[in-house]
Protein backbone atom coordinates (compact mmCIF):
# COMPACT_ATOMS: atom_id res chain seq x y z
CA UNK A 1 39.49 -1.46 13.78
CA UNK A 2 38.65 1.62 11.76
CA UNK A 3 35.04 2.76 12.31
CA UNK A 4 32.89 2.68 9.16
CA UNK A 5 32.57 5.93 7.27
CA UNK A 6 29.29 7.82 7.29
CA UNK A 7 28.68 7.13 3.57
CA UNK A 8 29.04 3.42 4.23
CA UNK A 9 26.59 3.55 7.14
CA UNK A 10 24.19 5.64 5.05
CA UNK A 11 24.35 3.11 2.20
CA UNK A 12 23.72 0.23 4.59
CA UNK A 13 20.77 2.08 6.10
CA UNK A 14 19.35 2.66 2.62
CA UNK A 15 19.63 -1.05 1.86
CA UNK A 16 17.91 -1.90 5.15
CA UNK A 17 15.02 0.48 4.39
CA UNK A 18 14.68 -0.92 0.88
CA UNK A 19 14.66 -4.51 2.14
CA UNK A 20 12.18 -3.76 4.92
CA UNK A 21 9.75 -1.97 2.59
CA UNK A 22 9.85 -4.46 -0.28
CA UNK A 23 11.00 -8.08 -0.08
CA UNK A 24 10.89 -8.45 3.72
CA UNK A 25 7.70 -6.50 4.51
CA UNK A 26 5.49 -9.65 4.55
CA UNK A 27 7.84 -11.40 6.96
CA UNK A 28 8.11 -8.61 9.52
CA UNK A 29 4.41 -7.75 9.33
CA UNK A 30 3.34 -5.07 11.79
CA UNK A 31 6.93 -4.80 13.02
CA UNK A 32 8.00 -3.48 9.59
CA UNK A 33 6.10 -0.26 10.35
CA UNK A 34 8.24 0.51 13.41
CA UNK A 35 11.52 -0.68 11.88
CA UNK A 36 11.13 1.57 8.83
CA UNK A 37 10.34 4.58 11.03
CA UNK A 38 13.28 3.75 13.30
CA UNK A 39 15.61 3.57 10.30
CA UNK A 40 14.24 6.91 9.03
CA UNK A 41 14.99 8.52 12.40
CA UNK A 42 18.49 7.00 12.34
CA UNK A 43 19.06 8.33 8.82
CA UNK A 44 18.36 11.90 9.96
CA UNK A 45 21.82 11.96 11.51
CA UNK A 46 23.85 11.60 8.33
CA UNK A 47 21.76 12.64 5.29
CA UNK A 48 22.69 15.61 3.13
CA UNK A 49 19.67 17.85 3.67
CA UNK A 50 20.88 20.37 1.09
CA UNK A 51 20.39 17.79 -1.67
CA UNK A 52 16.63 17.61 -1.12
CA UNK A 53 15.38 20.94 -2.43
CA UNK A 54 17.09 21.09 -5.87
CA UNK A 55 15.56 17.71 -6.79
CA UNK A 56 12.14 18.53 -8.31
CA UNK A 57 10.69 15.06 -7.77
CA UNK A 58 11.90 14.83 -4.17
CA UNK A 59 10.69 18.35 -3.48
CA UNK A 60 7.24 17.59 -4.89
CA UNK A 61 6.93 14.39 -2.86
CA UNK A 62 8.15 16.09 0.32
CA UNK A 63 5.79 19.05 -0.02
CA UNK A 64 2.83 16.84 -0.89
CA UNK A 65 3.29 14.47 2.03
CA UNK A 66 4.10 17.42 4.29
CA UNK A 67 0.71 18.87 3.34
CA UNK A 68 -0.95 15.55 4.17
CA UNK A 69 0.64 15.56 7.62
CA UNK A 70 -0.34 19.19 8.18
CA UNK A 71 -3.99 18.61 7.23
CA UNK A 72 -4.31 15.53 9.43
CA UNK A 73 -2.50 17.19 12.34
CA UNK A 74 -4.72 20.28 12.22
CA UNK A 75 -7.80 18.07 12.09
CA UNK A 76 -6.62 16.03 15.08
CA UNK A 77 -6.00 19.18 17.13
CA UNK A 78 -9.37 20.61 16.10
CA UNK A 79 -11.21 17.42 17.05
CA UNK A 80 -9.33 16.86 20.32
CA UNK A 81 -11.57 16.62 23.38
CA UNK A 82 -8.55 16.56 25.71
CA UNK A 83 -4.80 17.20 25.46
CA UNK A 84 -4.15 13.46 25.33
CA UNK A 85 -6.13 13.21 22.09
CA UNK A 86 -3.56 15.43 20.37
CA UNK A 87 -0.99 12.68 20.88
CA UNK A 88 -2.62 10.83 18.01
CA UNK A 89 -0.66 13.08 15.67
CA UNK A 90 2.27 10.66 16.04
CA UNK A 91 0.29 8.20 13.89
CA UNK A 92 0.95 10.50 10.93
CA UNK A 93 4.73 10.72 11.42
CA UNK A 94 5.56 8.64 8.32
CA UNK A 95 4.55 11.56 6.11
CA UNK A 96 7.13 13.92 7.61
CA UNK A 97 9.83 11.24 7.84
CA UNK A 98 9.75 10.97 4.06
CA UNK A 99 12.72 13.31 3.59
CA UNK A 100 15.34 11.14 5.36
CA UNK A 101 13.92 8.09 3.60
CA UNK A 102 14.31 9.80 0.22
CA UNK A 103 17.82 11.06 0.85
CA UNK A 104 19.04 7.73 2.20
CA UNK A 105 17.46 5.66 -0.57
CA UNK A 106 18.92 7.96 -3.24
CA UNK A 107 22.27 6.27 -2.55
CA UNK A 108 20.83 3.15 -4.21
CA UNK A 109 19.96 4.96 -7.46
CA UNK A 110 21.31 3.47 -10.67
CA UNK A 111 20.55 2.23 -14.17
CA UNK A 112 19.44 -1.18 -12.80
CA UNK A 113 16.96 0.33 -10.34
CA UNK A 114 13.79 -0.68 -12.20
CA UNK A 115 14.97 -4.25 -12.73
CA UNK A 116 16.05 -4.58 -9.09
CA UNK A 117 12.74 -3.20 -7.84
CA UNK A 118 10.76 -5.67 -9.93
CA UNK A 119 12.74 -8.64 -8.68
CA UNK A 120 12.53 -7.43 -5.08
CA UNK A 121 8.75 -7.08 -5.40
CA UNK A 122 8.53 -10.59 -6.87
CA UNK A 123 10.62 -11.91 -3.97
CA UNK A 124 8.27 -10.18 -1.53
CA UNK A 125 5.25 -11.80 -3.16
CA UNK A 126 6.94 -15.21 -3.02
CA UNK A 127 7.73 -14.65 0.66
CA UNK A 128 4.09 -13.75 1.36
CA UNK A 129 2.93 -16.92 -0.42
CA UNK A 130 5.44 -19.00 1.56
CA UNK A 131 4.17 -17.55 4.84
CA UNK A 132 0.58 -18.28 3.80
CA UNK A 133 1.50 -21.87 2.89
CA UNK A 134 3.22 -22.46 6.22
CA UNK A 135 0.49 -20.81 8.25
CA UNK A 136 -2.42 -22.30 6.34
CA UNK A 137 -1.28 -25.75 5.30
CA UNK A 138 1.46 -26.65 7.79
CA UNK A 139 0.19 -24.98 10.96
CA UNK A 140 -3.44 -25.48 9.97
CA UNK A 141 -4.66 -21.89 10.42
CA UNK A 142 -8.20 -21.39 9.16
CA UNK A 143 -7.09 -18.09 7.58
CA UNK A 144 -3.38 -17.65 6.92
CA UNK A 145 -1.68 -14.43 7.95
CA UNK A 146 -1.98 -14.14 11.71
CA UNK A 147 1.46 -15.69 11.99
CA UNK A 148 3.03 -12.33 11.03
CA UNK A 149 0.23 -9.74 10.88
CA UNK A 150 -3.30 -10.62 9.72
CA UNK A 151 -4.86 -12.17 6.58
CA UNK A 152 -5.87 -8.83 5.07
CA UNK A 153 -2.50 -7.11 5.54
CA UNK A 154 -0.54 -10.09 4.23
CA UNK A 155 -2.82 -10.47 1.19
CA UNK A 156 -2.90 -6.78 0.31
CA UNK A 157 0.88 -6.53 0.52
CA UNK A 158 1.24 -9.54 -1.79
CA UNK A 159 -1.24 -8.08 -4.30
CA UNK A 160 0.55 -4.73 -4.34
CA UNK A 161 3.97 -6.32 -4.83
CA UNK A 162 2.63 -8.49 -7.65
CA UNK A 163 1.53 -5.38 -9.52
CA UNK A 164 4.92 -3.71 -9.02
CA UNK A 165 6.68 -6.83 -10.31
CA UNK A 166 4.52 -6.91 -13.46
CA UNK A 167 5.23 -3.30 -14.46
CA UNK A 168 8.97 -3.98 -14.25
CA UNK A 169 8.71 -6.45 -17.16
CA UNK A 170 10.11 -4.09 -19.86
CA UNK A 171 13.28 -3.69 -17.79
CA UNK A 172 13.89 -7.38 -17.15
CA UNK A 173 16.31 -9.30 -19.35
CA UNK A 174 16.67 -12.78 -20.76
CA UNK A 175 14.23 -15.61 -21.35
CA UNK A 176 13.27 -15.60 -17.67
CA UNK A 177 11.91 -12.05 -17.75
CA UNK A 178 8.35 -13.44 -17.92
CA UNK A 179 8.88 -14.75 -14.40
CA UNK A 180 7.73 -11.42 -12.97
CA UNK A 181 4.16 -12.37 -14.01
CA UNK A 182 4.37 -15.30 -11.59
CA UNK A 183 3.75 -12.77 -8.86
CA UNK A 184 0.08 -12.74 -9.89
CA UNK A 185 -0.30 -16.43 -9.12
CA UNK A 186 1.67 -16.10 -5.88
CA UNK A 187 -0.54 -13.24 -4.73
CA UNK A 188 -3.66 -15.23 -5.66
CA UNK A 189 -2.38 -18.16 -3.62
CA UNK A 190 -1.69 -15.88 -0.65
CA UNK A 191 -5.12 -14.26 -0.78
CA UNK A 192 -6.86 -17.64 -1.18
CA UNK A 193 -5.13 -19.21 1.81
CA UNK A 194 -5.87 -16.06 3.79
CA UNK A 195 -9.54 -16.19 2.78
CA UNK A 196 -9.26 -12.55 1.66
CA UNK A 197 -11.92 -12.15 -1.00
CA UNK A 198 -11.39 -8.40 -1.25
CA UNK A 199 -7.73 -9.02 -2.06
CA UNK A 200 -8.69 -11.46 -4.83
CA UNK A 201 -10.98 -8.88 -6.41
CA UNK A 202 -8.27 -6.23 -6.05
CA UNK A 203 -5.73 -8.58 -7.65
CA UNK A 204 -7.93 -9.00 -10.72
CA UNK A 205 -8.31 -5.23 -11.09
CA UNK A 206 -4.62 -4.50 -10.48
CA UNK A 207 -3.53 -7.25 -12.88
CA UNK A 208 -5.61 -5.68 -15.63
CA UNK A 209 -4.16 -2.24 -14.90
CA UNK A 210 -0.55 -3.44 -14.64
CA UNK A 211 -0.89 -5.66 -17.70
CA UNK A 212 -2.32 -2.82 -19.78
CA UNK A 213 0.68 -0.69 -18.83
CA UNK A 214 3.30 -3.16 -20.10
CA UNK A 215 1.72 -5.42 -22.74
CA UNK A 216 2.19 -4.11 -26.31
CA UNK A 217 -1.04 -3.21 -28.08
CA UNK A 218 -0.54 -5.86 -30.76
CA UNK A 219 -0.51 -8.53 -28.06
CA UNK A 220 -3.43 -7.27 -25.97
CA UNK A 221 -5.77 -9.90 -27.45
CA UNK A 222 -3.44 -12.77 -26.58
CA UNK A 223 -2.82 -11.25 -23.17
CA UNK A 224 -6.56 -10.97 -22.53
CA UNK A 225 -7.13 -14.62 -23.42
CA UNK A 226 -4.22 -15.63 -21.20
CA UNK A 227 -5.65 -13.54 -18.36
CA UNK A 228 -9.08 -15.15 -18.74
CA UNK A 229 -7.53 -18.61 -18.75
CA UNK A 230 -5.35 -17.85 -15.76
CA UNK A 231 -8.30 -16.32 -13.95
CA UNK A 232 -10.39 -19.41 -14.54
CA UNK A 233 -7.61 -21.67 -13.27
CA UNK A 234 -7.01 -19.50 -10.20
CA UNK A 235 -10.73 -19.40 -9.47
CA UNK A 236 -10.86 -23.19 -9.60
CA UNK A 237 -7.90 -23.46 -7.23
CA UNK A 238 -9.42 -20.85 -4.92
CA UNK A 239 -12.72 -22.75 -4.77
CA UNK A 240 -10.92 -26.00 -4.02
CA UNK A 241 -8.93 -24.37 -1.20
CA UNK A 242 -11.72 -22.25 0.33
CA UNK A 243 -14.93 -23.13 -1.46
CA UNK A 244 -17.43 -21.59 0.95
CA UNK A 245 -15.99 -18.06 1.06
CA UNK A 246 -15.03 -17.83 -2.62
CA UNK A 247 -18.28 -19.27 -3.97
CA UNK A 248 -20.22 -16.60 -2.06
CA UNK A 249 -18.76 -13.75 -4.13
CA UNK A 250 -21.27 -13.87 -7.04
CA UNK A 251 -24.22 -14.28 -4.67
CA UNK A 252 -23.03 -11.38 -2.52
CA UNK A 253 -22.69 -9.10 -5.52
CA UNK A 254 -26.17 -10.02 -6.74
CA UNK A 255 -27.65 -9.40 -3.28
CA UNK A 256 -26.00 -6.01 -2.95
CA UNK A 257 -27.18 -4.88 -6.39
CA UNK A 258 -30.72 -6.13 -5.83
CA UNK A 259 -31.04 -4.72 -2.33
CA UNK A 260 -31.71 -8.14 -0.78
CA UNK A 261 -30.59 -9.03 2.73
CA UNK A 262 -26.88 -9.85 2.97
CA UNK A 263 -26.23 -13.21 4.54
CA UNK A 264 -22.44 -12.94 4.72
CA UNK A 265 -21.42 -11.48 8.08
CA UNK A 266 -18.26 -9.62 6.97
CA UNK A 267 -20.06 -7.92 4.07
CA UNK A 268 -23.08 -7.08 6.21
CA UNK A 269 -20.85 -5.49 8.86
CA UNK A 270 -18.99 -3.43 6.25
CA UNK A 271 -22.19 -2.09 4.74
CA UNK A 272 -23.47 -1.18 8.19
CA UNK A 273 -20.19 0.56 8.96
CA UNK A 274 -20.44 2.57 5.75
CA UNK A 275 -23.97 3.68 6.63
CA UNK A 276 -22.78 4.72 10.08
CA UNK A 277 -19.84 6.62 8.59
CA UNK A 278 -22.08 8.54 6.19
CA UNK A 279 -24.31 9.42 9.13
CA UNK A 280 -21.55 10.83 11.35
CA UNK A 281 -19.55 12.79 8.75
CA UNK A 282 -22.06 15.70 8.70
CA UNK A 283 -21.95 15.85 12.50
CA UNK A 284 -18.33 17.09 12.47
CA UNK A 285 -17.69 18.22 8.90
CA UNK A 286 -14.50 20.28 9.36
CA UNK A 287 -12.26 18.43 11.83
CA UNK A 288 -14.07 15.10 12.10
CA UNK A 289 -14.49 13.04 15.26
CA UNK A 290 -10.80 12.35 15.85
CA UNK A 291 -10.10 9.40 18.11
CA UNK A 292 -13.79 9.13 18.99
CA UNK A 293 -14.78 8.18 15.45
CA UNK A 294 -15.76 4.61 16.31
CA UNK A 295 -17.72 5.75 19.37
CA UNK A 296 -19.59 8.19 17.16
CA UNK A 297 -20.27 5.45 14.61
CA UNK A 298 -21.56 3.15 17.36
CA UNK A 299 -24.51 5.46 17.94
CA UNK A 300 -25.62 4.85 14.35
CA UNK A 301 -24.77 1.15 14.21
CA UNK A 302 -27.81 -1.05 14.76
CA UNK A 303 -26.67 -4.56 13.89
CA UNK A 304 -23.99 -6.75 15.56
CA UNK A 305 -22.99 -4.50 18.45
CA UNK A 306 -20.82 -7.16 20.09
CA UNK A 307 -18.73 -7.55 16.94
CA UNK A 308 -18.65 -3.81 16.42
CA UNK A 309 -16.89 -3.23 19.75
CA UNK A 310 -13.88 -5.18 18.47
CA UNK A 311 -13.51 -3.06 15.33
CA UNK A 312 -10.98 -0.23 15.21
CA UNK A 313 -11.75 1.40 11.85
CA UNK A 314 -14.51 1.85 9.29
CA UNK A 315 -13.04 -0.48 6.63
CA UNK A 316 -12.81 2.23 3.99
CA UNK A 317 -10.01 4.78 3.60
CA UNK A 318 -12.09 7.69 2.31
CA UNK A 319 -14.80 7.22 4.94
CA UNK A 320 -12.31 6.65 7.75
CA UNK A 321 -10.37 9.82 7.00
CA UNK A 322 -13.50 11.88 6.32
CA UNK A 323 -15.20 10.72 9.52
CA UNK A 324 -12.12 11.05 11.74
CA UNK A 325 -10.62 14.22 10.18
CA UNK A 326 -13.53 15.85 8.35
CA UNK A 327 -13.05 17.84 5.16
CA UNK A 328 -9.34 18.16 6.00
CA UNK A 329 -9.06 14.37 6.12
CA UNK A 330 -10.82 13.94 2.79
CA UNK A 331 -8.48 16.52 1.23
CA UNK A 332 -5.47 14.79 2.80
CA UNK A 333 -6.55 11.50 1.23
CA UNK A 334 -6.78 13.06 -2.23
CA UNK A 335 -3.39 14.75 -1.85
CA UNK A 336 -1.80 11.53 -0.59
CA UNK A 337 -2.97 9.59 -3.66
CA UNK A 338 -2.03 12.33 -6.13
CA UNK A 339 1.43 13.14 -4.76
CA UNK A 340 3.46 10.11 -6.01
CA UNK A 341 2.18 10.60 -9.56
CA UNK A 342 2.87 14.35 -9.40
CA UNK A 343 6.40 13.65 -8.13
CA UNK A 344 7.14 11.30 -11.04
CA UNK A 345 5.80 13.81 -13.56
CA UNK A 346 8.09 16.44 -12.02
CA UNK A 347 11.15 14.20 -12.33
CA UNK A 348 13.67 14.55 -15.12
CA UNK A 349 13.61 12.48 -18.30
CA UNK A 350 15.69 9.31 -18.31
CA UNK A 351 15.23 5.68 -19.50
CA UNK A 352 13.53 4.68 -16.24
CA UNK A 353 10.91 7.45 -16.06
CA UNK A 354 8.34 5.20 -17.74
CA UNK A 355 8.83 2.62 -15.01
CA UNK A 356 8.54 5.26 -12.30
CA UNK A 357 5.21 6.36 -13.74
CA UNK A 358 3.93 2.77 -14.05
CA UNK A 359 5.08 2.06 -10.49
CA UNK A 360 3.28 5.18 -9.23
CA UNK A 361 0.08 4.29 -11.08
CA UNK A 362 0.07 0.75 -9.68
CA UNK A 363 0.85 2.02 -6.18
CA UNK A 364 -1.95 4.59 -6.23
CA UNK A 365 -4.43 2.27 -7.97
CA UNK A 366 -3.61 -0.55 -5.54
CA UNK A 367 -4.15 1.63 -2.50
CA UNK A 368 -7.26 3.17 -4.00
CA UNK A 369 -8.85 -0.18 -4.86
CA UNK A 370 -7.87 -1.99 -1.66
CA UNK A 371 -8.85 1.07 0.36
CA UNK A 372 -12.49 0.64 -0.68
CA UNK A 373 -13.35 -2.42 1.48
CA UNK A 374 -10.51 -1.93 4.02
CA UNK A 375 -8.22 0.76 5.32
CA UNK A 376 -4.81 1.18 3.67
CA UNK A 377 -3.46 4.73 3.99
CA UNK A 378 -5.48 5.12 7.19
CA UNK A 379 -3.86 1.98 8.68
CA UNK A 380 -0.46 2.42 10.34
CA UNK A 381 1.44 -0.41 8.60
CA UNK A 382 0.25 0.39 5.09
CA UNK A 383 0.58 4.14 5.68
CA UNK A 384 4.28 3.63 6.40
CA UNK A 385 4.66 1.26 3.44
CA UNK A 386 2.96 3.80 1.18
CA UNK A 387 5.41 6.51 2.20
CA UNK A 388 8.41 4.17 1.94
CA UNK A 389 7.38 2.81 -1.47
CA UNK A 390 6.78 6.35 -2.71
CA UNK A 391 10.29 7.26 -1.58
CA UNK A 392 11.69 4.17 -3.32
CA UNK A 393 9.95 4.88 -6.63
CA UNK A 394 11.29 8.46 -6.68
CA UNK A 395 14.79 7.73 -5.37
CA UNK A 396 15.93 4.35 -6.71
CA UNK A 397 14.94 3.77 -10.38
CA UNK A 398 16.86 6.74 -11.81
CA UNK A 399 20.43 7.63 -12.74
CA UNK A 400 22.85 8.01 -9.85
CA UNK A 401 23.06 11.60 -8.68
CA UNK A 402 25.86 13.73 -10.11
CA UNK A 403 26.53 17.49 -9.82
CA UNK A 404 25.40 17.85 -13.43
CA UNK A 405 21.97 16.18 -13.07
CA UNK A 406 21.15 17.03 -9.46
CA UNK A 407 18.71 19.87 -10.22
CA UNK A 408 16.62 17.98 -12.75
CA UNK A 409 17.08 14.61 -11.06
């Protein structure tokens, strides 16, 4: 048997990375993080490194994420109390493994990239909803999601994919093109079964953003009415499925705004964590507390100490990175969010550039919104997904590379 050619292996690797980062990410859960990184390491053996630098978009993305890695690595070294603490730098490897991801995924580029991405995202949302249904209704889990990862990770992934599916609408064809909006309902179902209230709030915000990016202005009124109606229906379903947790949302918001005592445990813990984070950031402003960030926060945490000992992060991206990596971490967070948009703006003009920009806006908005009550970029799984999805949005929905368009690709 003739061994497969390197181009064929490279193409298959690109397909595997694409599948792992989009439609199959909910199924593989935490394992997706390691599989994507393993595929990136494998790809280093056969990519054409010379093709990276002439591509303005790829160059911008690579330099931006390289800067993120550098800032976080310097902060980790500066905050290290012992040589073993420096080993935590490996947690930031996804940012420097971007290049092989980009170069491998570029083999999938083509005129149908935007349409394929939207359908893949919709499939991923449907898969997440299926997992939630099996875990919550068939297996009887109180909060669906632990079957593959956890309720928050499953719900946030579904919400993000729903937004990506929506912004692909202009590139879908036929009478079934409206199907991409079904991702909103699937994500709502996933978040409801998972009891993830933060994901439901994020879904509402991301739906408004994604819808505004694709709905023509003359139809915004109709779209708004449809959104209100759908929101009312989804709220009713959510209350029927998990009445206690969902019905608490308005009361929690009112209590927070009025300064009253918070009765909900998860919200009370988050607010206490945020106060602790704000207290410890000035203690190590440049490099942060590194791996000892939660120990440092413990000294300022005065409520449920027993619960606190089981927590591994501060439930907020900006605070987590600022407290663990200081000013360098805060700067890294800003650069990480800005880089995908900058890369799209640096890319050449073609019929799919609008989709790339919408994709980037939804990706950044999704991570920004969901990173307020939880960690996203600062969490290993979603850090890797962020890098992989950024590589996909720059590499796939664009014309196939040719010698003529390589420089402005």
